């Protein structure tokens, strides 16, 4: 969870505010699938 968020933040350091909300549903979906 933390690793995925950090990777997304590193990829989009210019838009961290946009990556945070977008990464939440993705992480939840991945966790639900796993």
Protein backbone atom coordinates (compact mmCIF):
# COMPACT_ATOMS: atom_id res chain seq x y z
CA UNK A 1 0.00 0.00 0.00
CA UNK A 2 2.72 2.47 0.99
CA UNK A 3 5.05 1.28 -1.78
CA UNK A 4 2.38 1.76 -4.44
CA UNK A 5 1.51 5.25 -3.19
CA UNK A 6 5.21 6.24 -3.07
CA UNK A 7 5.73 4.97 -6.63
CA UNK A 8 2.72 6.91 -7.87
CA UNK A 9 3.94 10.02 -6.04
CA UNK A 10 7.40 9.64 -7.61
CA UNK A 11 5.87 9.27 -11.08
CA UNK A 12 3.64 12.32 -10.62
CA UNK A 13 5.50 14.60 -8.21
CA UNK A 14 4.07 17.57 -10.09
CA UNK A 15 0.49 16.41 -9.42
CA UNK A 16 0.51 14.66 -6.01
CA UNK A 17 -2.99 15.94 -5.21
CA UNK A 18 -4.38 14.23 -8.33
CA UNK A 19 -2.45 10.99 -7.73
CA UNK A 20 -3.57 10.61 -4.11
CA UNK A 21 -7.35 10.31 -4.82
CA UNK A 22 -6.71 8.25 -7.97
CA UNK A 23 -4.40 5.84 -6.15
CA UNK A 24 -6.90 5.21 -3.33
CA UNK A 25 -9.54 3.38 -5.46
CA UNK A 26 -6.78 1.50 -7.29
CA UNK A 27 -5.25 0.28 -4.02
CA UNK A 28 -8.66 -0.69 -2.65
CA UNK A 29 -9.44 -2.59 -5.86
CA UNK A 30 -6.10 -4.41 -5.74
CA UNK A 31 -6.63 -5.32 -2.08
CA UNK A 32 -10.16 -6.57 -2.77
CA UNK A 33 -8.91 -8.69 -5.70
CA UNK A 34 -6.06 -10.11 -3.65
